[in-house]
PDB file of N, CA and C in Angstrom:
ATOM      1  N   MET A   1       6.598  15.326  -0.873  1.00  0.00           N
ATOM      2  CA  MET A   1       6.636  13.916  -1.211  1.00  0.00           C
ATOM      3  C   MET A   1       8.016  13.589  -1.777  1.00  0.00           C
ATOM      4  N   ALA A   2       8.550  12.481  -1.346  1.00  0.00           N
ATOM      5  CA  ALA A   2       9.854  12.022  -1.811  1.00  0.00           C
ATOM      6  C   ALA A   2       9.779  11.631  -3.282  1.00  0.00           C
ATOM      7  N   LYS A   3      10.897  11.704  -3.938  1.00  0.00           N
ATOM      8  CA  LYS A   3      10.980  11.316  -5.346  1.00  0.00           C
ATOM      9  C   LYS A   3      11.287   9.831  -5.451  1.00  0.00           C
ATOM     10  N   LEU A   4      10.696   9.199  -6.449  1.00  0.00           N
ATOM     11  CA  LEU A   4      10.999   7.811  -6.763  1.00  0.00           C
ATOM     12  C   LEU A   4      11.522   7.758  -8.190  1.00  0.00           C
ATOM     13  N   SER A   5      12.619   7.044  -8.389  1.00  0.00           N
ATOM     14  CA  SER A   5      13.118   6.885  -9.749  1.00  0.00           C
ATOM     15  C   SER A   5      12.167   5.965 -10.519  1.00  0.00           C
ATOM     16  N   ASP A   6      12.252   6.002 -11.835  1.00  0.00           N
ATOM     17  CA  ASP A   6      11.396   5.140 -12.645  1.00  0.00           C
ATOM     18  C   ASP A   6      11.733   3.671 -12.384  1.00  0.00           C
ATOM     19  N   PRO A   7      10.722   2.824 -12.289  1.00  0.00           N
ATOM     20  CA  PRO A   7      10.986   1.399 -12.080  1.00  0.00           C
ATOM     21  C   PRO A   7      11.534   0.761 -13.359  1.00  0.00           C
ATOM     22  N   THR A   8      12.226  -0.334 -13.193  1.00  0.00           N
ATOM     23  CA  THR A   8      12.670  -1.102 -14.353  1.00  0.00           C
ATOM     24  C   THR A   8      11.451  -1.812 -14.938  1.00  0.00           C
ATOM     25  N   PRO A   9      11.513  -2.210 -16.195  1.00  0.00           N
ATOM     26  CA  PRO A   9      10.387  -2.962 -16.768  1.00  0.00           C
ATOM     27  C   PRO A   9      10.073  -4.235 -15.981  1.00  0.00           C
ATOM     28  N   LYS A  10      11.101  -4.901 -15.489  1.00  0.00           N
ATOM     29  CA  LYS A  10      10.910  -6.130 -14.708  1.00  0.00           C
ATOM     30  C   LYS A  10      10.166  -5.841 -13.403  1.00  0.00           C
ATOM     31  N   LEU A  11      10.592  -4.781 -12.693  1.00  0.00           N
ATOM     32  CA  LEU A  11       9.930  -4.406 -11.445  1.00  0.00           C
ATOM     33  C   LEU A  11       8.487  -3.979 -11.712  1.00  0.00           C
ATOM     34  N   ALA A  12       8.276  -3.186 -12.751  1.00  0.00           N
ATOM     35  CA  ALA A  12       6.927  -2.716 -13.080  1.00  0.00           C
ATOM     36  C   ALA A  12       5.994  -3.890 -13.340  1.00  0.00           C
ATOM     37  N   ALA A  13       6.458  -4.856 -14.102  1.00  0.00           N
ATOM     38  CA  ALA A  13       5.626  -6.029 -14.405  1.00  0.00           C
ATOM     39  C   ALA A  13       5.301  -6.802 -13.133  1.00  0.00           C
ATOM     40  N   LYS A  14       6.295  -6.965 -12.265  1.00  0.00           N
ATOM     41  CA  LYS A  14       6.067  -7.709 -11.015  1.00  0.00           C
ATOM     42  C   LYS A  14       5.085  -6.977 -10.102  1.00  0.00           C
ATOM     43  N   MET A  15       5.191  -5.653 -10.041  1.00  0.00           N
ATOM     44  CA  MET A  15       4.314  -4.866  -9.179  1.00  0.00           C
ATOM     45  C   MET A  15       2.856  -4.929  -9.629  1.00  0.00           C
ATOM     46  N   LEU A  16       2.622  -5.270 -10.881  1.00  0.00           N
ATOM     47  CA  LEU A  16       1.261  -5.304 -11.414  1.00  0.00           C
ATOM     48  C   LEU A  16       0.661  -6.708 -11.431  1.00  0.00           C
ATOM     49  N   GLN A  17       1.393  -7.689 -10.953  1.00  0.00           N
ATOM     50  CA  GLN A  17       0.897  -9.069 -10.921  1.00  0.00           C
ATOM     51  C   GLN A  17       0.315  -9.424  -9.561  1.00  0.00           C
ATOM     52  N   GLU A  18      -0.564 -10.431  -9.570  1.00  0.00           N
ATOM     53  CA  GLU A  18      -1.041 -10.983  -8.301  1.00  0.00           C
ATOM     54  C   GLU A  18       0.061 -11.833  -7.687  1.00  0.00           C
ATOM     55  N   VAL A  19       0.038 -11.934  -6.376  1.00  0.00           N
ATOM     56  CA  VAL A  19       1.037 -12.721  -5.662  1.00  0.00           C
ATOM     57  C   VAL A  19       0.493 -14.113  -5.372  1.00  0.00           C
ATOM     58  N   ASP A  20       1.398 -15.013  -5.042  1.00  0.00           N
ATOM     59  CA  ASP A  20       1.008 -16.370  -4.660  1.00  0.00           C
ATOM     60  C   ASP A  20       0.376 -16.363  -3.273  1.00  0.00           C
ATOM     61  N   TYR A  21      -0.261 -17.466  -2.938  1.00  0.00           N
ATOM     62  CA  TYR A  21      -0.953 -17.593  -1.657  1.00  0.00           C
ATOM     63  C   TYR A  21      -0.044 -17.274  -0.480  1.00  0.00           C
ATOM     64  N   ASP A  22       1.177 -17.813  -0.492  1.00  0.00           N
ATOM     65  CA  ASP A  22       2.077 -17.617   0.645  1.00  0.00           C
ATOM     66  C   ASP A  22       2.717 -16.222   0.668  1.00  0.00           C
ATOM     67  N   GLU A  23       2.434 -15.395  -0.348  1.00  0.00           N
ATOM     68  CA  GLU A  23       2.953 -14.030  -0.391  1.00  0.00           C
ATOM     69  C   GLU A  23       1.855 -12.980  -0.178  1.00  0.00           C
ATOM     70  N   ARG A  24       0.640 -13.436   0.055  1.00  0.00           N
ATOM     71  CA  ARG A  24      -0.488 -12.509   0.199  1.00  0.00           C
ATOM     72  C   ARG A  24      -0.306 -11.645   1.437  1.00  0.00           C
ATOM     73  N   LEU A  25      -1.049 -10.539   1.465  1.00  0.00           N
ATOM     74  CA  LEU A  25      -1.034  -9.617   2.589  1.00  0.00           C
ATOM     75  C   LEU A  25      -2.440  -9.591   3.176  1.00  0.00           C
ATOM     76  N   VAL A  26      -2.547  -9.436   4.470  1.00  0.00           N
ATOM     77  CA  VAL A  26      -3.857  -9.385   5.112  1.00  0.00           C
ATOM     78  C   VAL A  26      -4.044  -8.018   5.747  1.00  0.00           C
ATOM     79  N   GLY A  27      -5.171  -7.400   5.421  1.00  0.00           N
ATOM     80  CA  GLY A  27      -5.546  -6.130   6.020  1.00  0.00           C
ATOM     81  C   GLY A  27      -6.782  -6.323   6.879  1.00  0.00           C
ATOM     82  N   LEU A  28      -7.116  -5.307   7.642  1.00  0.00           N
ATOM     83  CA  LEU A  28      -8.310  -5.349   8.488  1.00  0.00           C
ATOM     84  C   LEU A  28      -9.223  -4.184   8.143  1.00  0.00           C
ATOM     85  N   MET A  29     -10.493  -4.472   7.940  1.00  0.00           N
ATOM     86  CA  MET A  29     -11.501  -3.423   7.787  1.00  0.00           C
ATOM     87  C   MET A  29     -12.117  -3.235   9.169  1.00  0.00           C
ATOM     88  N   LEU A  30     -11.951  -2.047   9.721  1.00  0.00           N
ATOM     89  CA  LEU A  30     -12.431  -1.752  11.073  1.00  0.00           C
ATOM     90  C   LEU A  30     -13.580  -0.754  10.992  1.00  0.00           C
ATOM     91  N   ALA A  31     -14.708  -1.118  11.586  1.00  0.00           N
ATOM     92  CA  ALA A  31     -15.880  -0.243  11.596  1.00  0.00           C
ATOM     93  C   ALA A  31     -16.574  -0.376  12.943  1.00  0.00           C
ATOM     94  N   PRO A  32     -17.161   0.720  13.452  1.00  0.00           N
ATOM     95  CA  PRO A  32     -17.792   0.671  14.768  1.00  0.00           C
ATOM     96  C   PRO A  32     -18.931  -0.334  14.866  1.00  0.00           C
ATOM     97  N   MET A  33     -19.703  -0.464  13.818  1.00  0.00           N
ATOM     98  CA  MET A  33     -20.875  -1.334  13.887  1.00  0.00           C
ATOM     99  C   MET A  33     -20.543  -2.813  13.662  1.00  0.00           C
ATOM    100  N   SER A  34     -19.517  -3.091  12.872  1.00  0.00           N
ATOM    101  CA  SER A  34     -19.236  -4.493  12.535  1.00  0.00           C
ATOM    102  C   SER A  34     -17.942  -5.023  13.134  1.00  0.00           C
ATOM    103  N   GLY A  35     -17.164  -4.182  13.770  1.00  0.00           N
ATOM    104  CA  GLY A  35     -15.901  -4.630  14.346  1.00  0.00           C
ATOM    105  C   GLY A  35     -14.838  -4.753  13.275  1.00  0.00           C
ATOM    106  N   SER A  36     -14.005  -5.787  13.363  1.00  0.00           N
ATOM    107  CA  SER A  36     -12.933  -5.958  12.386  1.00  0.00           C
ATOM    108  C   SER A  36     -13.185  -7.196  11.522  1.00  0.00           C
ATOM    109  N   VAL A  37     -12.866  -7.029  10.243  1.00  0.00           N
ATOM    110  CA  VAL A  37     -13.019  -8.116   9.279  1.00  0.00           C
ATOM    111  C   VAL A  37     -11.728  -8.191   8.479  1.00  0.00           C
ATOM    112  N   GLU A  38     -11.148  -9.388   8.394  1.00  0.00           N
ATOM    113  CA  GLU A  38      -9.929  -9.570   7.618  1.00  0.00           C
ATOM    114  C   GLU A  38     -10.219  -9.477   6.133  1.00  0.00           C
ATOM    115  N   ARG A  39      -9.258  -8.945   5.398  1.00  0.00           N
ATOM    116  CA  ARG A  39      -9.358  -8.869   3.941  1.00  0.00           C
ATOM    117  C   ARG A  39      -8.024  -9.306   3.359  1.00  0.00           C
ATOM    118  N   THR A  40      -8.041 -10.325   2.523  1.00  0.00           N
ATOM    119  CA  THR A  40      -6.838 -10.808   1.877  1.00  0.00           C
ATOM    120  C   THR A  40      -6.548  -9.952   0.648  1.00  0.00           C
ATOM    121  N   LEU A  41      -5.307  -9.520   0.538  1.00  0.00           N
ATOM    122  CA  LEU A  41      -4.882  -8.664  -0.564  1.00  0.00           C
ATOM    123  C   LEU A  41      -3.893  -9.442  -1.439  1.00  0.00           C
ATOM    124  N   TRP A  42      -4.198  -9.521  -2.719  1.00  0.00           N
ATOM    125  CA  TRP A  42      -3.458 -10.369  -3.644  1.00  0.00           C
ATOM    126  C   TRP A  42      -2.529  -9.613  -4.581  1.00  0.00           C
ATOM    127  N   SER A  43      -2.518  -8.277  -4.486  1.00  0.00           N
ATOM    128  CA  SER A  43      -1.654  -7.511  -5.390  1.00  0.00           C
ATOM    129  C   SER A  43      -1.281  -6.181  -4.745  1.00  0.00           C
ATOM    130  N   PHE A  44      -0.254  -5.577  -5.313  1.00  0.00           N
ATOM    131  CA  PHE A  44       0.163  -4.255  -4.868  1.00  0.00           C
ATOM    132  C   PHE A  44      -0.965  -3.254  -5.085  1.00  0.00           C
ATOM    133  N   GLU A  45      -1.625  -3.333  -6.234  1.00  0.00           N
ATOM    134  CA  GLU A  45      -2.718  -2.403  -6.525  1.00  0.00           C
ATOM    135  C   GLU A  45      -3.862  -2.566  -5.530  1.00  0.00           C
ATOM    136  N   GLU A  46      -4.170  -3.797  -5.153  1.00  0.00           N
ATOM    137  CA  GLU A  46      -5.211  -4.020  -4.147  1.00  0.00           C
ATOM    138  C   GLU A  46      -4.829  -3.375  -2.815  1.00  0.00           C
ATOM    139  N   ALA A  47      -3.564  -3.481  -2.440  1.00  0.00           N
ATOM    140  CA  ALA A  47      -3.097  -2.877  -1.186  1.00  0.00           C
ATOM    141  C   ALA A  47      -3.215  -1.353  -1.249  1.00  0.00           C
ATOM    142  N   VAL A  48      -2.848  -0.762  -2.392  1.00  0.00           N
ATOM    143  CA  VAL A  48      -2.969   0.687  -2.559  1.00  0.00           C
ATOM    144  C   VAL A  48      -4.424   1.114  -2.382  1.00  0.00           C
ATOM    145  N   ASN A  49      -5.319   0.426  -3.061  1.00  0.00           N
ATOM    146  CA  ASN A  49      -6.737   0.789  -3.020  1.00  0.00           C
ATOM    147  C   ASN A  49      -7.389   0.481  -1.674  1.00  0.00           C
ATOM    148  N   PHE A  50      -6.820  -0.453  -0.942  1.00  0.00           N
ATOM    149  CA  PHE A  50      -7.393  -0.851   0.340  1.00  0.00           C
ATOM    150  C   PHE A  50      -7.143   0.190   1.432  1.00  0.00           C
ATOM    151  N   LEU A  51      -5.930   0.713   1.521  1.00  0.00           N
ATOM    152  CA  LEU A  51      -5.565   1.648   2.590  1.00  0.00           C
ATOM    153  C   LEU A  51      -6.503   2.853   2.618  1.00  0.00           C
ATOM    154  N   HIS A  52      -7.078   3.118   3.799  1.00  0.00           N
ATOM    155  CA  HIS A  52      -8.011   4.241   3.885  1.00  0.00           C
ATOM    156  C   HIS A  52      -8.378   4.501   5.348  1.00  0.00           C
ATOM    157  N   VAL A  53      -8.532   5.770   5.664  1.00  0.00           N
ATOM    158  CA  VAL A  53      -9.082   6.185   6.955  1.00  0.00           C
ATOM    159  C   VAL A  53     -10.117   7.258   6.657  1.00  0.00           C
ATOM    160  N   ASP A  54     -11.362   7.041   7.098  1.00  0.00           N
ATOM    161  CA  ASP A  54     -12.395   8.060   6.912  1.00  0.00           C
ATOM    162  C   ASP A  54     -12.017   9.318   7.680  1.00  0.00           C
ATOM    163  N   LYS A  55     -12.356  10.452   7.095  1.00  0.00           N
ATOM    164  CA  LYS A  55     -12.022  11.737   7.723  1.00  0.00           C
ATOM    165  C   LYS A  55     -12.775  11.946   9.029  1.00  0.00           C
ATOM    166  N   ASN A  56     -14.052  11.579   9.076  1.00  0.00           N
ATOM    167  CA  ASN A  56     -14.849  11.757  10.288  1.00  0.00           C
ATOM    168  C   ASN A  56     -15.124  10.393  10.921  1.00  0.00           C
ATOM    169  N   LEU A  57     -14.294  10.020  11.843  1.00  0.00           N
ATOM    170  CA  LEU A  57     -14.423   8.704  12.472  1.00  0.00           C
ATOM    171  C   LEU A  57     -15.529   8.639  13.517  1.00  0.00           C
ATOM    172  N   HIS A  58     -16.240   9.725  13.723  1.00  0.00           N
ATOM    173  CA  HIS A  58     -17.313   9.738  14.713  1.00  0.00           C
ATOM    174  C   HIS A  58     -18.661   9.337  14.132  1.00  0.00           C
ATOM    175  N   GLU A  59     -18.733   9.103  12.835  1.00  0.00           N
ATOM    176  CA  GLU A  59     -19.986   8.676  12.209  1.00  0.00           C
ATOM    177  C   GLU A  59     -20.129   7.159  12.329  1.00  0.00           C
ATOM    178  N   ASN A  60     -21.364   6.671  12.345  1.00  0.00           N
ATOM    179  CA  ASN A  60     -21.607   5.234  12.470  1.00  0.00           C
ATOM    180  C   ASN A  60     -21.048   4.435  11.300  1.00  0.00           C
ATOM    181  N   GLN A  61     -20.996   5.042  10.125  1.00  0.00           N
ATOM    182  CA  GLN A  61     -20.525   4.325   8.944  1.00  0.00           C
ATOM    183  C   GLN A  61     -19.025   4.507   8.697  1.00  0.00           C
ATOM    184  N   ALA A  62     -18.333   5.189   9.585  1.00  0.00           N
ATOM    185  CA  ALA A  62     -16.899   5.435   9.423  1.00  0.00           C
ATOM    186  C   ALA A  62     -16.137   4.119   9.452  1.00  0.00           C
ATOM    187  N   SER A  63     -15.011   4.116   8.761  1.00  0.00           N
ATOM    188  CA  SER A  63     -14.202   2.902   8.767  1.00  0.00           C
ATOM    189  C   SER A  63     -12.727   3.232   8.585  1.00  0.00           C
ATOM    190  N   ILE A  64     -11.933   2.280   8.978  1.00  0.00           N
ATOM    191  CA  ILE A  64     -10.490   2.321   8.763  1.00  0.00           C
ATOM    192  C   ILE A  64     -10.144   1.012   8.057  1.00  0.00           C
ATOM    193  N   ARG A  65      -9.418   1.119   6.976  1.00  0.00           N
ATOM    194  CA  ARG A  65      -8.901  -0.082   6.313  1.00  0.00           C
ATOM    195  C   ARG A  65      -7.410  -0.113   6.622  1.00  0.00           C
ATOM    196  N   TYR A  66      -7.063  -1.014   7.512  1.00  0.00           N
ATOM    197  CA  TYR A  66      -5.757  -1.033   8.165  1.00  0.00           C
ATOM    198  C   TYR A  66      -4.858  -2.125   7.618  1.00  0.00           C
ATOM    199  N   ILE A  67      -3.615  -1.738   7.370  1.00  0.00           N
ATOM    200  CA  ILE A  67      -2.526  -2.678   7.103  1.00  0.00           C
ATOM    201  C   ILE A  67      -1.376  -2.237   7.998  1.00  0.00           C
ATOM    202  N   ASP A  68      -0.772  -3.167   8.688  1.00  0.00           N
ATOM    203  CA  ASP A  68       0.406  -2.832   9.486  1.00  0.00           C
ATOM    204  C   ASP A  68       1.447  -2.259   8.521  1.00  0.00           C
ATOM    205  N   LEU A  69       1.792  -0.999   8.671  1.00  0.00           N
ATOM    206  CA  LEU A  69       2.659  -0.329   7.699  1.00  0.00           C
ATOM    207  C   LEU A  69       4.088  -0.849   7.716  1.00  0.00           C
ATOM    208  N   ASN A  70       4.548  -1.346   8.844  1.00  0.00           N
ATOM    209  CA  ASN A  70       5.877  -1.968   8.878  1.00  0.00           C
ATOM    210  C   ASN A  70       5.860  -3.280   8.087  1.00  0.00           C
ATOM    211  N   LEU A  71       4.786  -4.035   8.239  1.00  0.00           N
ATOM    212  CA  LEU A  71       4.626  -5.269   7.474  1.00  0.00           C
ATOM    213  C   LEU A  71       4.479  -4.955   5.987  1.00  0.00           C
ATOM    214  N   LEU A  72       3.732  -3.915   5.665  1.00  0.00           N
ATOM    215  CA  LEU A  72       3.551  -3.492   4.278  1.00  0.00           C
ATOM    216  C   LEU A  72       4.897  -3.143   3.648  1.00  0.00           C
ATOM    217  N   GLN A  73       5.688  -2.404   4.363  1.00  0.00           N
ATOM    218  CA  GLN A  73       7.010  -2.007   3.872  1.00  0.00           C
ATOM    219  C   GLN A  73       7.876  -3.237   3.596  1.00  0.00           C
ATOM    220  N   ARG A  74       7.874  -4.206   4.492  1.00  0.00           N
ATOM    221  CA  ARG A  74       8.644  -5.435   4.286  1.00  0.00           C
ATOM    222  C   ARG A  74       8.094  -6.236   3.107  1.00  0.00           C
ATOM    223  N   TRP A  75       6.763  -6.287   2.977  1.00  0.00           N
ATOM    224  CA  TRP A  75       6.104  -7.004   1.882  1.00  0.00           C
ATOM    225  C   TRP A  75       6.535  -6.422   0.536  1.00  0.00           C
ATOM    226  N   ILE A  76       6.538  -5.114   0.427  1.00  0.00           N
ATOM    227  CA  ILE A  76       6.944  -4.455  -0.817  1.00  0.00           C
ATOM    228  C   ILE A  76       8.403  -4.766  -1.132  1.00  0.00           C
ATOM    229  N   CYS A  77       9.229  -4.772  -0.132  1.00  0.00           N
ATOM    230  CA  CYS A  77      10.656  -5.047  -0.310  1.00  0.00           C
ATOM    231  C   CYS A  77      10.911  -6.511  -0.662  1.00  0.00           C
ATOM    232  N   GLU A  78      10.341  -7.425   0.110  1.00  0.00           N
ATOM    233  CA  GLU A  78      10.644  -8.849  -0.045  1.00  0.00           C
ATOM    234  C   GLU A  78       9.885  -9.526  -1.173  1.00  0.00           C
ATOM    235  N   VAL A  79       8.613  -9.207  -1.341  1.00  0.00           N
ATOM    236  CA  VAL A  79       7.799  -9.877  -2.353  1.00  0.00           C
ATOM    237  C   VAL A  79       8.024  -9.280  -3.743  1.00  0.00           C
ATOM    238  N   PHE A  80       8.077  -7.956  -3.819  1.00  0.00           N
ATOM    239  CA  PHE A  80       8.202  -7.298  -5.119  1.00  0.00           C
ATOM    240  C   PHE A  80       9.631  -6.868  -5.433  1.00  0.00           C
ATOM    241  N   GLY A  81      10.460  -6.746  -4.412  1.00  0.00           N
ATOM    242  CA  GLY A  81      11.840  -6.329  -4.620  1.00  0.00           C
ATOM    243  C   GLY A  81      11.990  -4.832  -4.838  1.00  0.00           C
ATOM    244  N   ASP A  82      11.000  -4.039  -4.413  1.00  0.00           N
ATOM    245  CA  ASP A  82      11.068  -2.588  -4.578  1.00  0.00           C
ATOM    246  C   ASP A  82      11.674  -1.983  -3.313  1.00  0.00           C
ATOM    247  N   HIS A  83      13.008  -2.011  -3.261  1.00  0.00           N
ATOM    248  CA  HIS A  83      13.721  -1.515  -2.084  1.00  0.00           C
ATOM    249  C   HIS A  83      13.601   0.003  -1.946  1.00  0.00           C
ATOM    250  N   GLU A  84      13.541   0.700  -3.076  1.00  0.00           N
ATOM    251  CA  GLU A  84      13.429   2.154  -3.040  1.00  0.00           C
ATOM    252  C   GLU A  84      12.109   2.587  -2.405  1.00  0.00           C
ATOM    253  N   LEU A  85      10.996   2.014  -2.856  1.00  0.00           N
ATOM    254  CA  LEU A  85       9.696   2.358  -2.277  1.00  0.00           C
ATOM    255  C   LEU A  85       9.631   1.959  -0.812  1.00  0.00           C
ATOM    256  N   ALA A  86      10.165   0.808  -0.475  1.00  0.00           N
ATOM    257  CA  ALA A  86      10.171   0.355   0.917  1.00  0.00           C
ATOM    258  C   ALA A  86      10.927   1.342   1.806  1.00  0.00           C
ATOM    259  N   THR A  87      12.032   1.870   1.313  1.00  0.00           N
ATOM    260  CA  THR A  87      12.821   2.843   2.069  1.00  0.00           C
ATOM    261  C   THR A  87      12.044   4.138   2.265  1.00  0.00           C
ATOM    262  N   VAL A  88      11.357   4.589   1.218  1.00  0.00           N
ATOM    263  CA  VAL A  88      10.558   5.815   1.311  1.00  0.00           C
ATOM    264  C   VAL A  88       9.405   5.625   2.298  1.00  0.00           C
ATOM    265  N   ILE A  89       8.755   4.476   2.250  1.00  0.00           N
ATOM    266  CA  ILE A  89       7.659   4.203   3.180  1.00  0.00           C
ATOM    267  C   ILE A  89       8.180   4.180   4.612  1.00  0.00           C
ATOM    268  N   ASN A  90       9.326   3.565   4.819  1.00  0.00           N
ATOM    269  CA  ASN A  90       9.923   3.533   6.147  1.00  0.00           C
ATOM    270  C   ASN A  90      10.200   4.942   6.665  1.00  0.00           C
ATOM    271  N   ALA A  91      10.663   5.823   5.792  1.00  0.00           N
ATOM    272  CA  ALA A  91      10.915   7.214   6.172  1.00  0.00           C
ATOM    273  C   ALA A  91       9.612   7.925   6.537  1.00  0.00           C
ATOM    274  N   GLU A  92       8.550   7.670   5.780  1.00  0.00           N
ATOM    275  CA  GLU A  92       7.247   8.281   6.072  1.00  0.00           C
ATOM    276  C   GLU A  92       6.693   7.782   7.403  1.00  0.00           C
ATOM    277  N   ILE A  93       6.854   6.497   7.663  1.00  0.00           N
ATOM    278  CA  ILE A  93       6.381   5.917   8.919  1.00  0.00           C
ATOM    279  C   ILE A  93       7.052   6.599  10.107  1.00  0.00           C
ATOM    280  N   SER A  94       8.346   6.867   9.981  1.00  0.00           N
ATOM    281  CA  SER A  94       9.087   7.442  11.105  1.00  0.00           C
ATOM    282  C   SER A  94       8.751   8.913  11.356  1.00  0.00           C
ATOM    283  N   LYS A  95       8.131   9.588  10.395  1.00  0.00           N
ATOM    284  CA  LYS A  95       7.795  11.003  10.557  1.00  0.00           C
ATOM    285  C   LYS A  95       6.566  11.231  11.436  1.00  0.00           C
ATOM    286  N   TYR A  96       5.682  10.255  11.523  1.00  0.00           N
ATOM    287  CA  TYR A  96       4.394  10.449  12.176  1.00  0.00           C
ATOM    288  C   TYR A  96       4.205   9.472  13.328  1.00  0.00           C
ATOM    289  N   LYS A  97       3.301   9.811  14.238  1.00  0.00           N
ATOM    290  CA  LYS A  97       3.119   9.012  15.446  1.00  0.00           C
ATOM    291  C   LYS A  97       2.069   7.923  15.328  1.00  0.00           C
ATOM    292  N   ASN A  98       1.029   8.124  14.490  1.00  0.00           N
ATOM    293  CA  ASN A  98      -0.046   7.137  14.465  1.00  0.00           C
ATOM    294  C   ASN A  98      -0.468   6.794  13.037  1.00  0.00           C
ATOM    295  N   PHE A  99      -1.223   5.739  12.917  1.00  0.00           N
ATOM    296  CA  PHE A  99      -1.653   5.238  11.613  1.00  0.00           C
ATOM    297  C   PHE A  99      -2.419   6.296  10.826  1.00  0.00           C
ATOM    298  N   GLY A 100      -3.310   7.023  11.492  1.00  0.00           N
ATOM    299  CA  GLY A 100      -4.107   8.034  10.815  1.00  0.00           C
ATOM    300  C   GLY A 100      -3.261   9.092  10.127  1.00  0.00           C
ATOM    301  N   GLU A 101      -2.141   9.460  10.724  1.00  0.00           N
ATOM    302  CA  GLU A 101      -1.237  10.445  10.123  1.00  0.00           C
ATOM    303  C   GLU A 101      -0.362   9.816   9.043  1.00  0.00           C
ATOM    304  N   ARG A 102      -0.028   8.568   9.206  1.00  0.00           N
ATOM    305  CA  ARG A 102       0.907   7.883   8.300  1.00  0.00           C
ATOM    306  C   ARG A 102       0.262   7.424   7.001  1.00  0.00           C
ATOM    307  N   VAL A 103      -1.004   7.056   7.057  1.00  0.00           N
ATOM    308  CA  VAL A 103      -1.621   6.356   5.935  1.00  0.00           C
ATOM    309  C   VAL A 103      -1.646   7.184   4.650  1.00  0.00           C
ATOM    310  N   GLN A 104      -1.968   8.466   4.727  1.00  0.00           N
ATOM    311  CA  GLN A 104      -2.092   9.253   3.499  1.00  0.00           C
ATOM    312  C   GLN A 104      -0.765   9.419   2.757  1.00  0.00           C
ATOM    313  N   PRO A 105       0.325   9.820   3.429  1.00  0.00           N
ATOM    314  CA  PRO A 105       1.588   9.926   2.687  1.00  0.00           C
ATOM    315  C   PRO A 105       2.081   8.581   2.147  1.00  0.00           C
ATOM    316  N   VAL A 106       1.862   7.511   2.891  1.00  0.00           N
ATOM    317  CA  VAL A 106       2.260   6.183   2.414  1.00  0.00           C
ATOM    318  C   VAL A 106       1.440   5.803   1.192  1.00  0.00           C
ATOM    319  N   LYS A 107       0.136   6.018   1.264  1.00  0.00           N
ATOM    320  CA  LYS A 107      -0.735   5.690   0.130  1.00  0.00           C
ATOM    321  C   LYS A 107      -0.357   6.522  -1.097  1.00  0.00           C
ATOM    322  N   GLU A 108      -0.047   7.793  -0.910  1.00  0.00           N
ATOM    323  CA  GLU A 108       0.338   8.645  -2.034  1.00  0.00           C
ATOM    324  C   GLU A 108       1.594   8.119  -2.718  1.00  0.00           C
ATOM    325  N   MET A 109       2.576   7.683  -1.944  1.00  0.00           N
ATOM    326  CA  MET A 109       3.811   7.141  -2.529  1.00  0.00           C
ATOM    327  C   MET A 109       3.524   5.837  -3.271  1.00  0.00           C
ATOM    328  N   MET A 110       2.678   5.009  -2.684  1.00  0.00           N
ATOM    329  CA  MET A 110       2.322   3.744  -3.334  1.00  0.00           C
ATOM    330  C   MET A 110       1.556   4.001  -4.633  1.00  0.00           C
ATOM    331  N   LEU A 111       0.639   4.952  -4.605  1.00  0.00           N
ATOM    332  CA  LEU A 111      -0.133   5.290  -5.797  1.00  0.00           C
ATOM    333  C   LEU A 111       0.771   5.864  -6.888  1.00  0.00           C
ATOM    334  N   PHE A 112       1.727   6.679  -6.490  1.00  0.00           N
ATOM    335  CA  PHE A 112       2.689   7.216  -7.446  1.00  0.00           C
ATOM    336  C   PHE A 112       3.456   6.081  -8.125  1.00  0.00           C
ATOM    337  N   ARG A 113       3.932   5.111  -7.315  1.00  0.00           N
ATOM    338  CA  ARG A 113       4.677   3.969  -7.875  1.00  0.00           C
ATOM    339  C   ARG A 113       3.770   3.133  -8.780  1.00  0.00           C
ATOM    340  N   LEU A 114       2.545   2.906  -8.363  1.00  0.00           N
ATOM    341  CA  LEU A 114       1.602   2.138  -9.168  1.00  0.00           C
ATOM    342  C   LEU A 114       1.404   2.801 -10.531  1.00  0.00           C
ATOM    343  N   ASN A 115       1.219   4.102 -10.539  1.00  0.00           N
ATOM    344  CA  ASN A 115       1.030   4.830 -11.800  1.00  0.00           C
ATOM    345  C   ASN A 115       2.286   4.773 -12.670  1.00  0.00           C
ATOM    346  N   GLN A 116       3.465   4.854 -12.050  1.00  0.00           N
ATOM    347  CA  GLN A 116       4.710   4.707 -12.800  1.00  0.00           C
ATOM    348  C   GLN A 116       4.752   3.339 -13.486  1.00  0.00           C
ATOM    349  N   CYS A 117       4.411   2.303 -12.754  1.00  0.00           N
ATOM    350  CA  CYS A 117       4.453   0.941 -13.286  1.00  0.00           C
ATOM    351  C   CYS A 117       3.458   0.761 -14.425  1.00  0.00           C
ATOM    352  N   LYS A 118       2.250   1.247 -14.239  1.00  0.00           N
ATOM    353  CA  LYS A 118       1.234   1.124 -15.291  1.00  0.00           C
ATOM    354  C   LYS A 118       1.657   1.861 -16.552  1.00  0.00           C
ATOM    355  N   LYS A 119       2.173   3.059 -16.381  1.00  0.00           N
ATOM    356  CA  LYS A 119       2.609   3.861 -17.532  1.00  0.00           C
ATOM    357  C   LYS A 119       3.714   3.141 -18.298  1.00  0.00           C
ATOM    358  N   LEU A 120       4.681   2.593 -17.595  1.00  0.00           N
ATOM    359  CA  LEU A 120       5.795   1.890 -18.226  1.00  0.00           C
ATOM    360  C   LEU A 120       5.319   0.648 -18.960  1.00  0.00           C
ATOM    361  N   VAL A 121       4.485  -0.144 -18.312  1.00  0.00           N
ATOM    362  CA  VAL A 121       3.993  -1.379 -18.929  1.00  0.00           C
ATOM    363  C   VAL A 121       3.140  -1.067 -20.161  1.00  0.00           C
ATOM    364  N   HIS A 122       2.283  -0.055 -20.062  1.00  0.00           N
ATOM    365  CA  HIS A 122       1.422   0.308 -21.205  1.00  0.00           C
ATOM    366  C   HIS A 122       2.240   0.888 -22.355  1.00  0.00           C
ATOM    367  N   SER A 123       3.328   1.570 -22.060  1.00  0.00           N
ATOM    368  CA  SER A 123       4.157   2.150 -23.125  1.00  0.00           C
ATOM    369  C   SER A 123       4.926   1.062 -23.884  1.00  0.00           C
ATOM    370  N   GLN A 124       5.104  -0.093 -23.255  1.00  0.00           N
ATOM    371  CA  GLN A 124       5.835  -1.192 -23.898  1.00  0.00           C
ATOM    372  C   GLN A 124       4.904  -2.134 -24.647  1.00  0.00           C
ATOM    373  N   ALA A 125       3.598  -1.965 -24.458  1.00  0.00           N
ATOM    374  CA  ALA A 125       2.636  -2.872 -25.109  1.00  0.00           C
ATOM    375  C   ALA A 125       2.401  -2.513 -26.562  1.00  0.00           C
TER     376      ALA A 125
END
């Protein structure tokens, strides 16, 4: 996993806030029985928690919670201003061929950044 430097207090605070309507992100919940359902994501933390691919996609209850990872990378860069994380995500995207391979390393980097932000904000409270 790539290293991320500690976020600034300003970046950490922004990463933990909800975004405005015109900055929201849309993901898709994909399941064999119900098809695809849009899900509006209002924060970085929601996006982190949303990303998921079930290990056994052959079960009836299996699901994929999909976000276009190129769009996600741009969203993190443009909406939150986290150019470092966006660059790391872009590097992870280029290493793998499909969403199923890409999602876990991307989610791990996002979760790492989220935890950095929470730790910094809580230490200043």
